[in-house]
Amino acid sequence: MFYLSKELYFPPVSETKSHGIIAIGGDLSSNRLLLAYKSGIFPWFEDGEPITWWSPNPRMVLFLDELVISKSMRNILNRNTFAVTFNQNFRDVMANCQQIKRDGQNGTWITNDMIEAYCKLNEMGVAKSIEVWQNDELVGGLYGIDLGNVFCGESMFSKVSNASKVAFVTLVKQLQRNNYKLLDCQVYNPHLESLGCREIDRSDFMKILQNSN
């Protein structure tokens, strides 16, 4: 296992262990986080644990033209049930992602320190959010890291049915309009698969990412 020092460095992702962990330690400084995402690496740990850095293989991604929108979701979008904004309430979106209860998880990996670190990235224009509103209440959203041609999705939440799906679909349509190559979803889950995401080999993901940097 590689233990990070104060030096701004990550080992090549080819050195990642089979469980997906590439390094432990370091900090959540803006420069380190930016280097991590540009290197195909992201932090994932719980409060009280050391910072743990991951680069899983395979990698869950969405090729934007493979987005699956169900008939029922199309109806919801056409009815304009929700209002959607971009990058207007970043901190609140992260806070809701932190607090939302998820099946099979006892706690959250979004620590308070992580919220502060990503809010700094938001102030730099790198971390961005999508907010979904119903009757002027924030009911869903997602946030992630914008690398220019690749958007790295981090987490999403929903307080009412379909709100997070609306955020996801709206984001993808925005990325399509701006000719992004990929939406990085990190690791598999069936909800993402239902939206068209699929796993690819990490080496293929890295080729796309490196051509985008």
Protein backbone atom coordinates (compact mmCIF):
# COMPACT_ATOMS: atom_id res chain seq x y z
CA MET A 1 0.00 0.00 0.00
CA PHE A 2 1.31 3.43 -0.94
CA TYR A 3 1.21 6.02 1.86
CA LEU A 4 1.10 9.63 0.75
CA SER A 5 3.35 12.30 2.23
CA LYS A 6 3.12 16.07 1.89
CA GLU A 7 4.51 15.71 -1.64
CA LEU A 8 1.85 16.27 -4.30
CA TYR A 9 2.03 12.85 -5.93
CA PHE A 10 0.00 9.74 -6.76
CA PRO A 11 1.40 6.47 -8.06
CA PRO A 12 0.26 5.31 -11.52
CA VAL A 13 -3.19 3.71 -11.44
CA SER A 14 -1.63 0.53 -12.80
CA GLU A 15 -0.26 0.03 -9.27
CA THR A 16 -3.75 -0.03 -7.73
CA LYS A 17 -4.50 -3.06 -5.56
CA SER A 18 -7.17 -5.49 -6.71
CA HIS A 19 -9.71 -4.05 -4.23
CA GLY A 20 -9.40 -0.63 -5.89
CA ILE A 21 -7.33 1.25 -3.28
CA ILE A 22 -4.26 2.99 -4.67
CA ALA A 23 -3.07 5.09 -1.72
CA ILE A 24 -3.78 6.20 1.85
CA GLY A 25 -3.12 9.51 3.57
CA GLY A 26 -2.28 12.93 2.23
CA ASP A 27 -4.86 15.69 2.48
CA LEU A 28 -7.92 17.14 0.78
CA SER A 29 -6.22 20.25 -0.55
CA SER A 30 -7.56 21.63 -3.81
CA ASN A 31 -4.33 20.85 -5.66
CA ARG A 32 -4.28 17.24 -4.49
CA LEU A 33 -7.94 16.68 -5.31
CA LEU A 34 -7.47 18.13 -8.80
CA LEU A 35 -4.42 15.94 -9.39
CA ALA A 36 -6.38 12.91 -8.19
CA TYR A 37 -9.32 13.38 -10.54
CA LYS A 38 -7.08 14.14 -13.50
CA SER A 39 -5.24 10.90 -12.67
CA GLY A 40 -8.39 8.75 -12.50
CA ILE A 41 -8.38 8.66 -8.69
CA PHE A 42 -10.95 9.79 -6.10
CA PRO A 43 -11.20 9.85 -2.27
CA TRP A 44 -13.64 7.53 -0.53
CA PHE A 45 -13.56 6.96 3.23
CA GLU A 46 -15.67 7.35 6.35
CA ASP A 47 -15.30 9.87 9.17
CA GLY A 48 -12.54 8.85 11.57
CA GLU A 49 -10.71 6.80 8.94
CA PRO A 50 -7.55 7.87 7.09
CA ILE A 51 -8.11 9.43 3.67
CA THR A 52 -8.31 6.55 1.21
CA TRP A 53 -7.82 7.00 -2.53
CA TRP A 54 -9.42 4.70 -5.11
CA SER A 55 -9.10 3.83 -8.78
CA PRO A 56 -11.39 0.83 -9.32
CA ASN A 57 -11.21 -1.60 -12.20
CA PRO A 58 -13.60 -1.89 -13.97
CA ARG A 59 -14.88 1.69 -14.01
CA MET A 60 -18.57 2.59 -14.18
CA VAL A 61 -19.19 5.23 -16.85
CA LEU A 62 -21.88 6.65 -19.09
CA PHE A 63 -21.17 7.25 -22.74
CA LEU A 64 -23.53 10.14 -23.23
CA ASP A 65 -25.29 8.77 -26.30
CA GLU A 66 -26.18 5.64 -24.31
CA LEU A 67 -28.39 7.45 -21.80
CA VAL A 68 -31.60 5.52 -21.15
CA ILE A 69 -34.69 7.63 -20.48
CA SER A 70 -37.77 5.58 -19.64
CA LYS A 71 -41.20 6.50 -20.99
CA SER A 72 -42.35 7.47 -17.49
CA MET A 73 -39.29 9.73 -17.06
CA ARG A 74 -39.95 11.39 -20.40
CA ASN A 75 -43.47 12.14 -19.21
CA ILE A 76 -42.14 13.68 -15.99
CA LEU A 77 -39.68 15.84 -17.91
CA ASN A 78 -42.36 16.95 -20.38
CA ARG A 79 -44.73 17.91 -17.56
CA ASN A 80 -42.10 20.19 -16.02
CA THR A 81 -42.91 18.78 -12.59
CA PHE A 82 -39.57 20.08 -11.31
CA ALA A 83 -37.49 23.19 -11.78
CA VAL A 84 -33.77 22.63 -12.34
CA THR A 85 -30.86 25.01 -11.69
CA PHE A 86 -27.14 24.68 -12.28
CA ASN A 87 -24.51 25.42 -9.66
CA GLN A 88 -26.70 27.66 -7.51
CA ASN A 89 -26.68 25.81 -4.15
CA PHE A 90 -23.58 23.64 -4.15
CA ARG A 91 -23.12 23.42 -0.38
CA ASP A 92 -26.77 22.51 0.19
CA VAL A 93 -26.57 19.75 -2.42
CA MET A 94 -23.50 18.26 -0.73
CA ALA A 95 -25.12 18.55 2.70
CA ASN A 96 -28.20 16.70 1.47
CA CYS A 97 -26.04 14.00 -0.12
CA GLN A 98 -24.30 13.67 3.24
CA GLN A 99 -27.53 13.35 5.23
CA ILE A 100 -29.64 11.16 2.97
CA LYS A 101 -30.09 7.58 4.18
CA ARG A 102 -28.94 4.90 1.75
CA ASP A 103 -29.75 1.20 1.70
CA GLY A 104 -26.91 -0.95 3.02
CA GLN A 105 -24.93 1.97 4.48
CA ASN A 106 -24.68 2.78 8.17
CA GLY A 107 -23.11 6.18 7.68
CA THR A 108 -21.75 8.51 5.04
CA TRP A 109 -18.44 8.93 3.28
CA ILE A 110 -19.10 12.65 2.82
CA THR A 111 -17.36 14.07 5.87
CA ASN A 112 -17.56 17.69 6.98
CA ASP A 113 -13.93 18.15 5.91
CA MET A 114 -14.85 16.83 2.49
CA ILE A 115 -17.71 19.31 2.19
CA GLU A 116 -15.33 22.19 2.94
CA ALA A 117 -12.75 20.86 0.47
CA TYR A 118 -15.24 20.49 -2.38
CA CYS A 119 -16.82 23.87 -1.66
CA LYS A 120 -13.37 25.36 -2.27
CA LEU A 121 -13.28 23.53 -5.61
CA ASN A 122 -16.72 24.93 -6.33
CA GLU A 123 -15.42 28.45 -5.70
CA MET A 124 -12.66 27.67 -8.22
CA GLY A 125 -15.26 26.63 -10.79
CA VAL A 126 -14.22 22.98 -10.80
CA ALA A 127 -16.80 21.30 -8.58
CA LYS A 128 -20.38 21.85 -9.79
CA SER A 129 -23.90 20.98 -8.76
CA ILE A 130 -27.34 20.53 -10.24
CA GLU A 131 -30.34 21.37 -8.08
CA VAL A 132 -33.89 20.06 -8.50
CA TRP A 133 -36.73 22.06 -6.98
CA GLN A 134 -40.39 21.45 -6.27
CA ASN A 135 -42.52 24.28 -4.88
CA ASP A 136 -39.33 26.23 -4.13
CA GLU A 137 -37.93 23.36 -2.03
CA LEU A 138 -34.66 21.62 -2.84
CA VAL A 139 -35.78 18.02 -3.36
CA GLY A 140 -32.95 16.50 -5.36
CA GLY A 141 -29.59 17.08 -6.94
CA LEU A 142 -26.10 15.89 -7.64
CA TYR A 143 -22.56 17.22 -7.66
CA GLY A 144 -19.24 16.33 -9.18
CA ILE A 145 -15.96 17.48 -10.66
CA ASP A 146 -15.89 19.11 -14.10
CA LEU A 147 -12.68 18.31 -15.97
CA GLY A 148 -13.71 20.03 -19.19
CA ASN A 149 -14.56 17.03 -21.39
CA VAL A 150 -15.25 14.52 -18.63
CA PHE A 151 -17.60 15.09 -15.69
CA CYS A 152 -16.87 12.99 -12.60
CA GLY A 153 -20.12 12.41 -10.76
CA GLU A 154 -19.71 12.13 -7.01
CA SER A 155 -23.09 11.73 -5.32
CA MET A 156 -26.77 12.48 -5.74
CA PHE A 157 -29.82 12.64 -3.50
CA SER A 158 -33.57 12.59 -3.81
CA LYS A 159 -36.21 13.60 -1.28
CA VAL A 160 -39.10 12.85 -3.61
CA SER A 161 -39.52 10.20 -6.26
CA ASN A 162 -37.54 10.74 -9.48
CA ALA A 163 -35.83 13.99 -8.38
CA SER A 164 -32.30 12.57 -8.62
CA LYS A 165 -33.11 11.02 -12.02
CA VAL A 166 -34.21 14.43 -13.26
CA ALA A 167 -30.88 15.86 -12.09
CA PHE A 168 -28.96 13.06 -13.78
CA VAL A 169 -30.80 13.29 -17.11
CA THR A 170 -30.58 17.09 -17.15
CA LEU A 171 -26.84 16.92 -16.49
CA VAL A 172 -26.29 14.43 -19.30
CA LYS A 173 -28.24 16.58 -21.77
CA GLN A 174 -26.12 19.57 -20.75
CA LEU A 175 -22.92 17.56 -21.25
CA GLN A 176 -24.14 16.41 -24.65
CA ARG A 177 -24.77 19.98 -25.76
CA ASN A 178 -21.22 20.90 -24.75
CA ASN A 179 -19.59 17.90 -26.45
CA TYR A 180 -18.31 16.15 -23.34
CA LYS A 181 -16.93 12.68 -23.89
CA LEU A 182 -17.97 10.86 -20.75
CA LEU A 183 -19.72 10.92 -17.40
CA ASP A 184 -17.63 9.07 -14.81
CA CYS A 185 -19.81 7.22 -12.28
CA GLN A 186 -16.91 5.45 -10.52
CA VAL A 187 -18.41 2.17 -9.27
CA TYR A 188 -21.29 -0.08 -10.27
CA ASN A 189 -24.77 0.13 -8.87
CA PRO A 190 -28.01 -1.11 -10.47
CA HIS A 191 -29.65 2.33 -10.42
CA LEU A 192 -26.90 3.73 -12.62
CA GLU A 193 -27.08 0.70 -14.89
CA SER A 194 -30.79 1.36 -15.44
CA LEU A 195 -29.86 4.80 -16.76
CA GLY A 196 -27.45 3.37 -19.35
CA CYS A 197 -24.18 3.33 -17.43
CA ARG A 198 -21.84 0.40 -17.88
CA GLU A 199 -18.49 -0.85 -16.69
CA ILE A 200 -15.38 -0.52 -18.85
CA ASP A 201 -11.80 -1.50 -18.27
CA ARG A 202 -9.85 1.08 -16.29
CA SER A 203 -7.23 1.31 -19.04
CA ASP A 204 -9.92 2.36 -21.53
CA PHE A 205 -11.22 4.92 -19.06
CA MET A 206 -7.72 6.31 -18.56
CA LYS A 207 -7.18 6.72 -22.32
CA ILE A 208 -10.33 8.82 -22.56
CA LEU A 209 -9.43 10.83 -19.45
CA GLN A 210 -5.86 11.51 -20.54
CA ASN A 211 -7.00 12.66 -23.97
CA SER A 212 -9.34 15.12 -22.23
CA ASN A 213 -6.81 16.70 -19.86
